[in-house]
Each structure stands twice: as structure tokens, then as C-alpha cells.
């Protein structure tokens, strides 16, 4: 009975994690500019990979593998948002502008005050 519950939990985590990874991939293809694409990749991709790693940690009988999976989740949560932010800031400084229908550009106001 316990094996059935664990298998159902792991299977559902894998399906949900895969769905988030699919949403991230579709976001990379469909969203209009660099900044929204990075947002989709960092948020949905991190959540998807985190759920898949949680499923691995639950399913495995090896403590070393479960510990590595948890460490990878922590690594993703610490690095993905930071790297997406820094890449977006560098892209803006390099001249990649927002999509034409964007509502508000917070960085334009910051650049005016620095000049």
C-alpha cells in the first residue's frame, strides 16, 4: 500500500514538473521579447526541475542521491533568479529594448536619474 502511494506521488510530481518544463519551453518560443522569455525560463523551468528532483528524492532508496537532489534544488532556487536578473540587466545595458507593447519601463526612469 505504501509503495502505491509513493509511486502515485512520484508520478504526479514528475507529470507536474514536466508540465512546468513544457510551459517554460513554450514560453521561450512564444513570448515576444528577451525579458519575458527569461522570466518564463527562470520561473517555470526552476519549478519544473525542482519538482522532478523532489520526485527523485522521494523515489530513491539511497540517501546520497536524495541529498544531492535536495542540494540541486537549493542551488537552482539560489542561482536561477539571480542569474536571470543579471542577464536581463546586462541585456538592457547592451541595448536590447522592451517589446513595443510593454506598459512600463522601470529601467528607463533609473537611467534618467543616473544621467
PDB file of N, CA and C in Angstrom:
ATOM      1  N   UNK A   1       0.818  -1.198   0.000  1.00  0.00           N
ATOM      2  CA  UNK A   1       0.000   0.000   0.000  1.00  0.00           C
ATOM      3  C   UNK A   1       0.867   1.269   0.000  1.00  0.00           C
ATOM      4  N   UNK A   2       1.921   1.235   0.796  1.00  0.00           N
ATOM      5  CA  UNK A   2       2.801   2.397   0.859  1.00  0.00           C
ATOM      6  C   UNK A   2       3.523   2.610  -0.467  1.00  0.00           C
ATOM      7  N   UNK A   3       3.913   1.506  -1.115  1.00  0.00           N
ATOM      8  CA  UNK A   3       4.576   1.628  -2.411  1.00  0.00           C
ATOM      9  C   UNK A   3       3.655   2.263  -3.441  1.00  0.00           C
ATOM     10  N   UNK A   4       2.386   1.943  -3.391  1.00  0.00           N
ATOM     11  CA  UNK A   4       1.424   2.527  -4.327  1.00  0.00           C
ATOM     12  C   UNK A   4       1.309   4.035  -4.108  1.00  0.00           C
ATOM     13  N   UNK A   5       1.238   4.464  -2.873  1.00  0.00           N
ATOM     14  CA  UNK A   5       1.132   5.895  -2.564  1.00  0.00           C
ATOM     15  C   UNK A   5       2.395   6.632  -3.000  1.00  0.00           C
ATOM     16  N   UNK A   6       3.558   6.044  -2.726  1.00  0.00           N
ATOM     17  CA  UNK A   6       4.821   6.668  -3.138  1.00  0.00           C
ATOM     18  C   UNK A   6       4.895   6.757  -4.657  1.00  0.00           C
ATOM     19  N   UNK A   7       4.510   5.684  -5.342  1.00  0.00           N
ATOM     20  CA  UNK A   7       4.545   5.702  -6.803  1.00  0.00           C
ATOM     21  C   UNK A   7       3.572   6.724  -7.380  1.00  0.00           C
ATOM     22  N   UNK A   8       2.391   6.858  -6.804  1.00  0.00           N
ATOM     23  CA  UNK A   8       1.434   7.861  -7.270  1.00  0.00           C
ATOM     24  C   UNK A   8       1.952   9.275  -7.020  1.00  0.00           C
ATOM     25  N   UNK A   9       2.542   9.493  -5.867  1.00  0.00           N
ATOM     26  CA  UNK A   9       3.100  10.812  -5.542  1.00  0.00           C
ATOM     27  C   UNK A   9       4.257  11.155  -6.480  1.00  0.00           C
ATOM     28  N   UNK A  10       5.156  10.218  -6.675  1.00  0.00           N
ATOM     29  CA  UNK A  10       6.298  10.453  -7.561  1.00  0.00           C
ATOM     30  C   UNK A  10       5.826  10.672  -8.994  1.00  0.00           C
ATOM     31  N   UNK A  11       4.870   9.875  -9.448  1.00  0.00           N
ATOM     32  CA  UNK A  11       4.344  10.041 -10.802  1.00  0.00           C
ATOM     33  C   UNK A  11       3.674  11.382 -11.002  1.00  0.00           C
ATOM     34  N   UNK A  12       2.901  11.819 -10.008  1.00  0.00           N
ATOM     35  CA  UNK A  12       2.236  13.117 -10.139  1.00  0.00           C
ATOM     36  C   UNK A  12       3.251  14.264 -10.105  1.00  0.00           C
ATOM     37  N   UNK A  13       4.274  14.155  -9.250  1.00  0.00           N
ATOM     38  CA  UNK A  13       5.323  15.183  -9.232  1.00  0.00           C
ATOM     39  C   UNK A  13       6.070  15.242 -10.559  1.00  0.00           C
ATOM     40  N   UNK A  14       6.337  14.082 -11.154  1.00  0.00           N
ATOM     41  CA  UNK A  14       7.008  14.055 -12.452  1.00  0.00           C
ATOM     42  C   UNK A  14       6.145  14.681 -13.540  1.00  0.00           C
ATOM     43  N   UNK A  15       4.849  14.379 -13.526  1.00  0.00           N
ATOM     44  CA  UNK A  15       3.955  14.961 -14.532  1.00  0.00           C
ATOM     45  C   UNK A  15       3.826  16.478 -14.367  1.00  0.00           C
ATOM     46  N   UNK A  16       3.670  16.924 -13.137  1.00  0.00           N
ATOM     47  CA  UNK A  16       3.537  18.364 -12.902  1.00  0.00           C
ATOM     48  C   UNK A  16       4.854  19.082 -13.237  1.00  0.00           C
ATOM     49  N   UNK A  17       5.982  18.499 -12.843  1.00  0.00           N
ATOM     50  CA  UNK A  17       7.279  19.086 -13.169  1.00  0.00           C
ATOM     51  C   UNK A  17       7.519  19.141 -14.666  1.00  0.00           C
ATOM     52  N   UNK A  18       7.131  18.083 -15.364  1.00  0.00           N
ATOM     53  CA  UNK A  18       7.266  18.073 -16.822  1.00  0.00           C
ATOM     54  C   UNK A  18       6.360  19.107 -17.466  1.00  0.00           C
ATOM     55  N   UNK A  19       5.162  19.294 -16.912  1.00  0.00           N
ATOM     56  CA  UNK A  19       4.249  20.314 -17.449  1.00  0.00           C
ATOM     57  C   UNK A  19       4.846  21.711 -17.285  1.00  0.00           C
ATOM     58  N   UNK A  20       5.464  21.977 -16.142  1.00  0.00           N
ATOM     59  CA  UNK A  20       6.104  23.283 -15.953  1.00  0.00           C
ATOM     60  C   UNK A  20       7.286  23.460 -16.901  1.00  0.00           C
ATOM     61  N   UNK A  21       8.053  22.399 -17.122  1.00  0.00           N
ATOM     62  CA  UNK A  21       9.161  22.487 -18.077  1.00  0.00           C
ATOM     63  C   UNK A  21       8.630  22.727 -19.490  1.00  0.00           C
ATOM     64  N   UNK A  22       7.508  22.121 -19.832  1.00  0.00           N
ATOM     65  CA  UNK A  22       6.884  22.354 -21.137  1.00  0.00           C
ATOM     66  C   UNK A  22       6.407  23.797 -21.266  1.00  0.00           C
ATOM     67  N   UNK A  23       5.816  24.325 -20.209  1.00  0.00           N
ATOM     68  CA  UNK A  23       5.387  25.728 -20.221  1.00  0.00           C
ATOM     69  C   UNK A  23       6.584  26.651 -20.402  1.00  0.00           C
ATOM     70  N   UNK A  24       7.689  26.345 -19.757  1.00  0.00           N
ATOM     71  CA  UNK A  24       8.900  27.155 -19.920  1.00  0.00           C
ATOM     72  C   UNK A  24       9.397  27.094 -21.359  1.00  0.00           C
ATOM     73  N   UNK A  25       9.363  25.911 -21.961  1.00  0.00           N
ATOM     74  CA  UNK A  25       9.818  25.776 -23.345  1.00  0.00           C
ATOM     75  C   UNK A  25       8.890  26.509 -24.308  1.00  0.00           C
ATOM     76  N   UNK A  26       7.598  26.419 -24.076  1.00  0.00           N
ATOM     77  CA  UNK A  26       6.644  27.149 -24.920  1.00  0.00           C
ATOM     78  C   UNK A  26       6.826  28.649 -24.735  1.00  0.00           C
ATOM     79  N   UNK A  27       7.081  29.080 -23.505  1.00  0.00           N
ATOM     80  CA  UNK A  27       7.330  30.497 -23.242  1.00  0.00           C
ATOM     81  C   UNK A  27       8.552  31.010 -23.990  1.00  0.00           C
ATOM     82  N   UNK A  28       9.580  30.181 -24.075  1.00  0.00           N
ATOM     83  CA  UNK A  28      10.773  30.590 -24.825  1.00  0.00           C
ATOM     84  C   UNK A  28      10.471  30.775 -26.300  1.00  0.00           C
ATOM     85  N   UNK A  29       9.543  29.991 -26.822  1.00  0.00           N
ATOM     86  CA  UNK A  29       9.213  30.086 -28.237  1.00  0.00           C
ATOM     87  C   UNK A  29       8.189  31.179 -28.541  1.00  0.00           C
ATOM     88  N   UNK A  30       7.256  31.408 -27.635  1.00  0.00           N
ATOM     89  CA  UNK A  30       6.101  32.233 -27.951  1.00  0.00           C
ATOM     90  C   UNK A  30       6.138  33.665 -27.415  1.00  0.00           C
ATOM     91  N   UNK A  31       6.880  33.917 -26.368  1.00  0.00           N
ATOM     92  CA  UNK A  31       6.854  35.248 -25.775  1.00  0.00           C
ATOM     93  C   UNK A  31       7.623  36.248 -26.637  1.00  0.00           C
ATOM     94  N   UNK A  32       7.242  37.529 -26.571  1.00  0.00           N
ATOM     95  CA  UNK A  32       7.698  38.480 -27.583  1.00  0.00           C
ATOM     96  C   UNK A  32       9.118  39.019 -27.438  1.00  0.00           C
ATOM     97  N   UNK A  33       9.638  39.138 -26.237  1.00  0.00           N
ATOM     98  CA  UNK A  33      10.967  39.741 -26.120  1.00  0.00           C
ATOM     99  C   UNK A  33      11.850  38.952 -25.162  1.00  0.00           C
ATOM    100  N   UNK A  34      13.095  39.363 -25.113  1.00  0.00           N
ATOM    101  CA  UNK A  34      14.113  38.673 -24.332  1.00  0.00           C
ATOM    102  C   UNK A  34      13.749  38.594 -22.849  1.00  0.00           C
ATOM    103  N   UNK A  35      13.189  39.643 -22.317  1.00  0.00           N
ATOM    104  CA  UNK A  35      12.936  39.729 -20.881  1.00  0.00           C
ATOM    105  C   UNK A  35      11.809  38.802 -20.441  1.00  0.00           C
ATOM    106  N   UNK A  36      10.739  38.746 -21.209  1.00  0.00           N
ATOM    107  CA  UNK A  36       9.651  37.830 -20.851  1.00  0.00           C
ATOM    108  C   UNK A  36      10.061  36.384 -21.082  1.00  0.00           C
ATOM    109  N   UNK A  37      10.904  36.146 -22.057  1.00  0.00           N
ATOM    110  CA  UNK A  37      11.407  34.785 -22.281  1.00  0.00           C
ATOM    111  C   UNK A  37      12.283  34.338 -21.113  1.00  0.00           C
ATOM    112  N   UNK A  38      13.146  35.224 -20.637  1.00  0.00           N
ATOM    113  CA  UNK A  38      13.982  34.868 -19.490  1.00  0.00           C
ATOM    114  C   UNK A  38      13.139  34.638 -18.244  1.00  0.00           C
ATOM    115  N   UNK A  39      12.078  35.402 -18.103  1.00  0.00           N
ATOM    116  CA  UNK A  39      11.188  35.215 -16.958  1.00  0.00           C
ATOM    117  C   UNK A  39      10.559  33.828 -16.999  1.00  0.00           C
ATOM    118  N   UNK A  40      10.064  33.433 -18.171  1.00  0.00           N
ATOM    119  CA  UNK A  40       9.450  32.114 -18.303  1.00  0.00           C
ATOM    120  C   UNK A  40      10.460  31.008 -18.041  1.00  0.00           C
ATOM    121  N   UNK A  41      11.645  31.165 -18.581  1.00  0.00           N
ATOM    122  CA  UNK A  41      12.662  30.119 -18.411  1.00  0.00           C
ATOM    123  C   UNK A  41      13.114  30.010 -16.965  1.00  0.00           C
ATOM    124  N   UNK A  42      13.285  31.134 -16.287  1.00  0.00           N
ATOM    125  CA  UNK A  42      13.796  31.064 -14.923  1.00  0.00           C
ATOM    126  C   UNK A  42      12.725  30.610 -13.936  1.00  0.00           C
ATOM    127  N   UNK A  43      11.516  31.094 -14.064  1.00  0.00           N
ATOM    128  CA  UNK A  43      10.490  30.740 -13.079  1.00  0.00           C
ATOM    129  C   UNK A  43       9.935  29.342 -13.319  1.00  0.00           C
ATOM    130  N   UNK A  44       9.367  29.110 -14.506  1.00  0.00           N
ATOM    131  CA  UNK A  44       8.737  27.814 -14.774  1.00  0.00           C
ATOM    132  C   UNK A  44       9.779  26.706 -14.884  1.00  0.00           C
ATOM    133  N   UNK A  45      10.930  27.009 -15.453  1.00  0.00           N
ATOM    134  CA  UNK A  45      11.982  25.999 -15.558  1.00  0.00           C
ATOM    135  C   UNK A  45      12.523  25.574 -14.209  1.00  0.00           C
ATOM    136  N   UNK A  46      12.696  26.520 -13.316  1.00  0.00           N
ATOM    137  CA  UNK A  46      13.175  26.199 -11.968  1.00  0.00           C
ATOM    138  C   UNK A  46      12.151  25.367 -11.208  1.00  0.00           C
ATOM    139  N   UNK A  47      10.886  25.751 -11.307  1.00  0.00           N
ATOM    140  CA  UNK A  47       9.850  24.988 -10.619  1.00  0.00           C
ATOM    141  C   UNK A  47       9.731  23.582 -11.199  1.00  0.00           C
ATOM    142  N   UNK A  48       9.791  23.468 -12.515  1.00  0.00           N
ATOM    143  CA  UNK A  48       9.703  22.151 -13.136  1.00  0.00           C
ATOM    144  C   UNK A  48      10.844  21.242 -12.751  1.00  0.00           C
ATOM    145  N   UNK A  49      12.057  21.742 -12.825  1.00  0.00           N
ATOM    146  CA  UNK A  49      13.202  20.910 -12.456  1.00  0.00           C
ATOM    147  C   UNK A  49      13.205  20.614 -10.960  1.00  0.00           C
ATOM    148  N   UNK A  50      12.742  21.548 -10.151  1.00  0.00           N
ATOM    149  CA  UNK A  50      12.652  21.306  -8.714  1.00  0.00           C
ATOM    150  C   UNK A  50      11.672  20.195  -8.379  1.00  0.00           C
ATOM    151  N   UNK A  51      10.529  20.184  -9.046  1.00  0.00           N
ATOM    152  CA  UNK A  51       9.553  19.121  -8.796  1.00  0.00           C
ATOM    153  C   UNK A  51      10.072  17.759  -9.243  1.00  0.00           C
ATOM    154  N   UNK A  52      10.773  17.719 -10.364  1.00  0.00           N
ATOM    155  CA  UNK A  52      11.352  16.451 -10.821  1.00  0.00           C
ATOM    156  C   UNK A  52      12.418  15.970  -9.832  1.00  0.00           C
ATOM    157  N   UNK A  53      13.207  16.871  -9.304  1.00  0.00           N
ATOM    158  CA  UNK A  53      14.227  16.475  -8.323  1.00  0.00           C
ATOM    159  C   UNK A  53      13.603  16.050  -6.996  1.00  0.00           C
ATOM    160  N   UNK A  54      12.492  16.668  -6.611  1.00  0.00           N
ATOM    161  CA  UNK A  54      11.781  16.212  -5.406  1.00  0.00           C
ATOM    162  C   UNK A  54      11.257  14.798  -5.614  1.00  0.00           C
ATOM    163  N   UNK A  55      10.737  14.525  -6.817  1.00  0.00           N
ATOM    164  CA  UNK A  55      10.274  13.171  -7.126  1.00  0.00           C
ATOM    165  C   UNK A  55      11.426  12.174  -7.037  1.00  0.00           C
ATOM    166  N   UNK A  56      12.592  12.553  -7.519  1.00  0.00           N
ATOM    167  CA  UNK A  56      13.766  11.678  -7.420  1.00  0.00           C
ATOM    168  C   UNK A  56      14.131  11.432  -5.962  1.00  0.00           C
ATOM    169  N   UNK A  57      14.119  12.487  -5.162  1.00  0.00           N
ATOM    170  CA  UNK A  57      14.486  12.347  -3.747  1.00  0.00           C
ATOM    171  C   UNK A  57      13.507  11.435  -3.003  1.00  0.00           C
ATOM    172  N   UNK A  58      12.226  11.497  -3.364  1.00  0.00           N
ATOM    173  CA  UNK A  58      11.236  10.647  -2.706  1.00  0.00           C
ATOM    174  C   UNK A  58      11.382   9.201  -3.169  1.00  0.00           C
ATOM    175  N   UNK A  59      11.651   9.007  -4.449  1.00  0.00           N
ATOM    176  CA  UNK A  59      11.651   7.660  -5.021  1.00  0.00           C
ATOM    177  C   UNK A  59      12.891   6.848  -4.665  1.00  0.00           C
ATOM    178  N   UNK A  60      14.029   7.496  -4.534  1.00  0.00           N
ATOM    179  CA  UNK A  60      15.271   6.759  -4.339  1.00  0.00           C
ATOM    180  C   UNK A  60      15.378   6.203  -2.918  1.00  0.00           C
ATOM    181  N   UNK A  61      16.086   5.085  -2.830  1.00  0.00           N
ATOM    182  CA  UNK A  61      16.362   4.497  -1.516  1.00  0.00           C
ATOM    183  C   UNK A  61      17.733   4.901  -0.999  1.00  0.00           C
ATOM    184  N   UNK A  62      18.506   5.572  -1.835  1.00  0.00           N
ATOM    185  CA  UNK A  62      19.869   5.965  -1.490  1.00  0.00           C
ATOM    186  C   UNK A  62      19.867   7.373  -0.895  1.00  0.00           C
ATOM    187  N   UNK A  63      20.392   7.512   0.290  1.00  0.00           N
ATOM    188  CA  UNK A  63      20.428   8.813   0.956  1.00  0.00           C
ATOM    189  C   UNK A  63      21.341   9.797   0.227  1.00  0.00           C
ATOM    190  N   UNK A  64      22.416   9.293  -0.359  1.00  0.00           N
ATOM    191  CA  UNK A  64      23.341  10.181  -1.072  1.00  0.00           C
ATOM    192  C   UNK A  64      22.663  10.815  -2.287  1.00  0.00           C
ATOM    193  N   UNK A  65      21.865  10.047  -3.003  1.00  0.00           N
ATOM    194  CA  UNK A  65      21.163  10.585  -4.172  1.00  0.00           C
ATOM    195  C   UNK A  65      20.109  11.592  -3.736  1.00  0.00           C
ATOM    196  N   UNK A  66      19.383  11.285  -2.674  1.00  0.00           N
ATOM    197  CA  UNK A  66      18.355  12.210  -2.170  1.00  0.00           C
ATOM    198  C   UNK A  66      18.998  13.511  -1.693  1.00  0.00           C
ATOM    199  N   UNK A  67      20.133  13.421  -1.038  1.00  0.00           N
ATOM    200  CA  UNK A  67      20.830  14.622  -0.574  1.00  0.00           C
ATOM    201  C   UNK A  67      21.302  15.469  -1.743  1.00  0.00           C
ATOM    202  N   UNK A  68      21.811  14.832  -2.783  1.00  0.00           N
ATOM    203  CA  UNK A  68      22.237  15.568  -3.973  1.00  0.00           C
ATOM    204  C   UNK A  68      21.053  16.231  -4.667  1.00  0.00           C
ATOM    205  N   UNK A  69      19.918  15.549  -4.686  1.00  0.00           N
ATOM    206  CA  UNK A  69      18.729  16.138  -5.302  1.00  0.00           C
ATOM    207  C   UNK A  69      18.279  17.377  -4.528  1.00  0.00           C
ATOM    208  N   UNK A  70      18.270  17.298  -3.217  1.00  0.00           N
ATOM    209  CA  UNK A  70      17.890  18.449  -2.392  1.00  0.00           C
ATOM    210  C   UNK A  70      18.898  19.580  -2.568  1.00  0.00           C
ATOM    211  N   UNK A  71      20.183  19.242  -2.630  1.00  0.00           N
ATOM    212  CA  UNK A  71      21.212  20.267  -2.849  1.00  0.00           C
ATOM    213  C   UNK A  71      21.035  20.932  -4.218  1.00  0.00           C
ATOM    214  N   UNK A  72      20.661  20.163  -5.224  1.00  0.00           N
ATOM    215  CA  UNK A  72      20.427  20.732  -6.552  1.00  0.00           C
ATOM    216  C   UNK A  72      19.224  21.672  -6.548  1.00  0.00           C
ATOM    217  N   UNK A  73      18.184  21.330  -5.795  1.00  0.00           N
ATOM    218  CA  UNK A  73      17.011  22.210  -5.683  1.00  0.00           C
ATOM    219  C   UNK A  73      17.424  23.535  -5.046  1.00  0.00           C
ATOM    220  N   UNK A  74      18.184  23.458  -3.972  1.00  0.00           N
ATOM    221  CA  UNK A  74      18.649  24.682  -3.306  1.00  0.00           C
ATOM    222  C   UNK A  74      19.514  25.501  -4.257  1.00  0.00           C
ATOM    223  N   UNK A  75      20.378  24.833  -5.006  1.00  0.00           N
ATOM    224  CA  UNK A  75      21.231  25.519  -5.973  1.00  0.00           C
ATOM    225  C   UNK A  75      20.391  26.225  -7.033  1.00  0.00           C
ATOM    226  N   UNK A  76      19.385  25.536  -7.578  1.00  0.00           N
ATOM    227  CA  UNK A  76      18.502  26.154  -8.571  1.00  0.00           C
ATOM    228  C   UNK A  76      17.778  27.370  -7.993  1.00  0.00           C
ATOM    229  N   UNK A  77      17.254  27.230  -6.783  1.00  0.00           N
ATOM    230  CA  UNK A  77      16.494  28.329  -6.179  1.00  0.00           C
ATOM    231  C   UNK A  77      17.379  29.536  -5.874  1.00  0.00           C
ATOM    232  N   UNK A  78      18.648  29.306  -5.596  1.00  0.00           N
ATOM    233  CA  UNK A  78      19.554  30.419  -5.306  1.00  0.00           C
ATOM    234  C   UNK A  78      20.129  31.065  -6.564  1.00  0.00           C
ATOM    235  N   UNK A  79      20.353  30.284  -7.606  1.00  0.00           N
ATOM    236  CA  UNK A  79      21.063  30.822  -8.758  1.00  0.00           C
ATOM    237  C   UNK A  79      20.179  31.253  -9.920  1.00  0.00           C
ATOM    238  N   UNK A  80      19.071  30.587 -10.166  1.00  0.00           N
ATOM    239  CA  UNK A  80      18.263  30.901 -11.354  1.00  0.00           C
ATOM    240  C   UNK A  80      17.683  32.322 -11.315  1.00  0.00           C
ATOM    241  N   UNK A  81      17.047  32.766 -10.240  1.00  0.00           N
ATOM    242  CA  UNK A  81      16.530  34.139 -10.243  1.00  0.00           C
ATOM    243  C   UNK A  81      17.637  35.192 -10.319  1.00  0.00           C
ATOM    244  N   UNK A  82      18.726  34.947  -9.639  1.00  0.00           N
ATOM    245  CA  UNK A  82      19.838  35.895  -9.648  1.00  0.00           C
ATOM    246  C   UNK A  82      20.463  35.998 -11.036  1.00  0.00           C
ATOM    247  N   UNK A  83      20.705  34.867 -11.658  1.00  0.00           N
ATOM    248  CA  UNK A  83      21.313  34.905 -12.996  1.00  0.00           C
ATOM    249  C   UNK A  83      20.366  35.508 -14.023  1.00  0.00           C
ATOM    250  N   UNK A  84      19.066  35.240 -13.926  1.00  0.00           N
ATOM    251  CA  UNK A  84      18.111  35.852 -14.857  1.00  0.00           C
ATOM    252  C   UNK A  84      18.075  37.367 -14.677  1.00  0.00           C
ATOM    253  N   UNK A  85      18.125  37.815 -13.442  1.00  0.00           N
ATOM    254  CA  UNK A  85      18.128  39.258 -13.180  1.00  0.00           C
ATOM    255  C   UNK A  85      19.380  39.918 -13.755  1.00  0.00           C
ATOM    256  N   UNK A  86      20.529  39.314 -13.512  1.00  0.00           N
ATOM    257  CA  UNK A  86      21.774  39.898 -14.006  1.00  0.00           C
ATOM    258  C   UNK A  86      21.865  39.858 -15.530  1.00  0.00           C
ATOM    259  N   UNK A  87      21.382  38.787 -16.135  1.00  0.00           N
ATOM    260  CA  UNK A  87      21.365  38.721 -17.599  1.00  0.00           C
ATOM    261  C   UNK A  87      20.425  39.759 -18.192  1.00  0.00           C
ATOM    262  N   UNK A  88      19.274  39.957 -17.567  1.00  0.00           N
ATOM    263  CA  UNK A  88      18.332  40.964 -18.067  1.00  0.00           C
ATOM    264  C   UNK A  88      18.917  42.369 -17.922  1.00  0.00           C
ATOM    265  N   UNK A  89      19.568  42.623 -16.822  1.00  0.00           N
ATOM    266  CA  UNK A  89      20.187  43.935 -16.628  1.00  0.00           C
ATOM    267  C   UNK A  89      21.300  44.181 -17.638  1.00  0.00           C
ATOM    268  N   UNK A  90      22.109  43.162 -17.908  1.00  0.00           N
ATOM    269  CA  UNK A  90      23.178  43.289 -18.894  1.00  0.00           C
ATOM    270  C   UNK A  90      22.605  43.455 -20.306  1.00  0.00           C
ATOM    271  N   UNK A  91      21.525  42.754 -20.610  1.00  0.00           N
ATOM    272  CA  UNK A  91      20.900  42.892 -21.926  1.00  0.00           C
ATOM    273  C   UNK A  91      20.318  44.281 -22.112  1.00  0.00           C
ATOM    274  N   UNK A  92      19.728  44.826 -21.066  1.00  0.00           N
ATOM    275  CA  UNK A  92      19.187  46.179 -21.155  1.00  0.00           C
ATOM    276  C   UNK A  92      20.308  47.195 -21.366  1.00  0.00           C
ATOM    277  N   UNK A  93      21.404  47.013 -20.642  1.00  0.00           N
ATOM    278  CA  UNK A  93      22.541  47.924 -20.800  1.00  0.00           C
ATOM    279  C   UNK A  93      23.171  47.801 -22.184  1.00  0.00           C
ATOM    280  N   UNK A  94      23.080  46.622 -22.797  1.00  0.00           N
ATOM    281  CA  UNK A  94      23.650  46.411 -24.127  1.00  0.00           C
ATOM    282  C   UNK A  94      22.751  46.941 -25.231  1.00  0.00           C
ATOM    283  N   UNK A  95      21.514  47.324 -24.881  1.00  0.00           N
ATOM    284  CA  UNK A  95      20.651  47.931 -25.874  1.00  0.00           C
ATOM    285  C   UNK A  95      19.447  47.121 -26.298  1.00  0.00           C
ATOM    286  N   UNK A  96      19.213  45.966 -25.703  1.00  0.00           N
ATOM    287  CA  UNK A  96      18.010  45.194 -26.016  1.00  0.00           C
ATOM    288  C   UNK A  96      16.826  45.855 -25.333  1.00  0.00           C
ATOM    289  N   UNK A  97      15.958  46.430 -26.100  1.00  0.00           N
ATOM    290  CA  UNK A  97      14.818  47.156 -25.535  1.00  0.00           C
ATOM    291  C   UNK A  97      13.621  46.240 -25.342  1.00  0.00           C
ATOM    292  N   UNK A  98      12.678  46.746 -24.579  1.00  0.00           N
ATOM    293  CA  UNK A  98      11.456  46.006 -24.307  1.00  0.00           C
ATOM    294  C   UNK A  98      10.604  45.880 -25.567  1.00  0.00           C
ATOM    295  N   UNK A  99       9.669  44.968 -25.499  1.00  0.00           N
ATOM    296  CA  UNK A  99       8.692  44.780 -26.557  1.00  0.00           C
ATOM    297  C   UNK A  99       7.919  46.085 -26.734  1.00  0.00           C
ATOM    298  N   UNK A 100       7.525  46.408 -27.951  1.00  0.00           N
ATOM    299  CA  UNK A 100       6.863  47.678 -28.240  1.00  0.00           C
ATOM    300  C   UNK A 100       5.568  47.907 -27.475  1.00  0.00           C
ATOM    301  N   UNK A 101       4.854  46.841 -27.140  1.00  0.00           N
ATOM    302  CA  UNK A 101       3.587  46.973 -26.415  1.00  0.00           C
ATOM    303  C   UNK A 101       3.749  46.841 -24.904  1.00  0.00           C
ATOM    304  N   UNK A 102       4.961  46.917 -24.410  1.00  0.00           N
ATOM    305  CA  UNK A 102       5.167  46.865 -22.962  1.00  0.00           C
ATOM    306  C   UNK A 102       4.549  48.101 -22.320  1.00  0.00           C
ATOM    307  N   UNK A 103       4.014  47.929 -21.143  1.00  0.00           N
ATOM    308  CA  UNK A 103       3.283  49.002 -20.483  1.00  0.00           C
ATOM    309  C   UNK A 103       4.218  49.993 -19.792  1.00  0.00           C
ATOM    310  N   UNK A 104       5.252  49.483 -19.116  1.00  0.00           N
ATOM    311  CA  UNK A 104       6.082  50.370 -18.294  1.00  0.00           C
ATOM    312  C   UNK A 104       7.525  49.891 -18.327  1.00  0.00           C
ATOM    313  N   UNK A 105       8.450  50.833 -18.393  1.00  0.00           N
ATOM    314  CA  UNK A 105       9.885  50.533 -18.391  1.00  0.00           C
ATOM    315  C   UNK A 105      10.507  51.161 -17.152  1.00  0.00           C
ATOM    316  N   UNK A 106      10.685  50.381 -16.102  1.00  0.00           N
ATOM    317  CA  UNK A 106      11.265  50.884 -14.865  1.00  0.00           C
ATOM    318  C   UNK A 106      12.722  51.285 -15.024  1.00  0.00           C
ATOM    319  N   UNK A 107      13.431  50.619 -15.885  1.00  0.00           N
ATOM    320  CA  UNK A 107      14.852  50.925 -16.072  1.00  0.00           C
ATOM    321  C   UNK A 107      15.077  52.256 -16.768  1.00  0.00           C
ATOM    322  N   UNK A 108      14.136  52.696 -17.589  1.00  0.00           N
ATOM    323  CA  UNK A 108      14.296  53.994 -18.268  1.00  0.00           C
ATOM    324  C   UNK A 108      14.310  55.118 -17.253  1.00  0.00           C
ATOM    325  N   UNK A 109      13.450  55.026 -16.240  1.00  0.00           N
ATOM    326  CA  UNK A 109      13.421  56.045 -15.185  1.00  0.00           C
ATOM    327  C   UNK A 109      14.714  56.028 -14.377  1.00  0.00           C
ATOM    328  N   UNK A 110      15.248  54.854 -14.133  1.00  0.00           N
ATOM    329  CA  UNK A 110      16.504  54.733 -13.376  1.00  0.00           C
ATOM    330  C   UNK A 110      17.663  55.299 -14.186  1.00  0.00           C
ATOM    331  N   UNK A 111      17.667  55.056 -15.491  1.00  0.00           N
ATOM    332  CA  UNK A 111      18.741  55.562 -16.337  1.00  0.00           C
ATOM    333  C   UNK A 111      18.689  57.085 -16.453  1.00  0.00           C
ATOM    334  N   UNK A 112      17.500  57.665 -16.421  1.00  0.00           N
ATOM    335  CA  UNK A 112      17.377  59.127 -16.482  1.00  0.00           C
ATOM    336  C   UNK A 112      17.943  59.765 -15.210  1.00  0.00           C
ATOM    337  N   UNK A 113      17.688  59.125 -14.066  1.00  0.00           N
ATOM    338  CA  UNK A 113      18.169  59.713 -12.803  1.00  0.00           C
ATOM    339  C   UNK A 113      19.691  59.578 -12.672  1.00  0.00           C
ATOM    340  N   UNK A 114      20.282  58.566 -13.331  1.00  0.00           N
ATOM    341  CA  UNK A 114      21.724  58.382 -13.253  1.00  0.00           C
ATOM    342  C   UNK A 114      22.459  59.354 -14.175  1.00  0.00           C
ATOM    343  N   UNK A 115      21.797  59.826 -15.233  1.00  0.00           N
ATOM    344  CA  UNK A 115      22.449  60.717 -16.201  1.00  0.00           C
ATOM    345  C   UNK A 115      22.605  62.116 -15.688  1.00  0.00           C
TER     346      UNK A 115
END
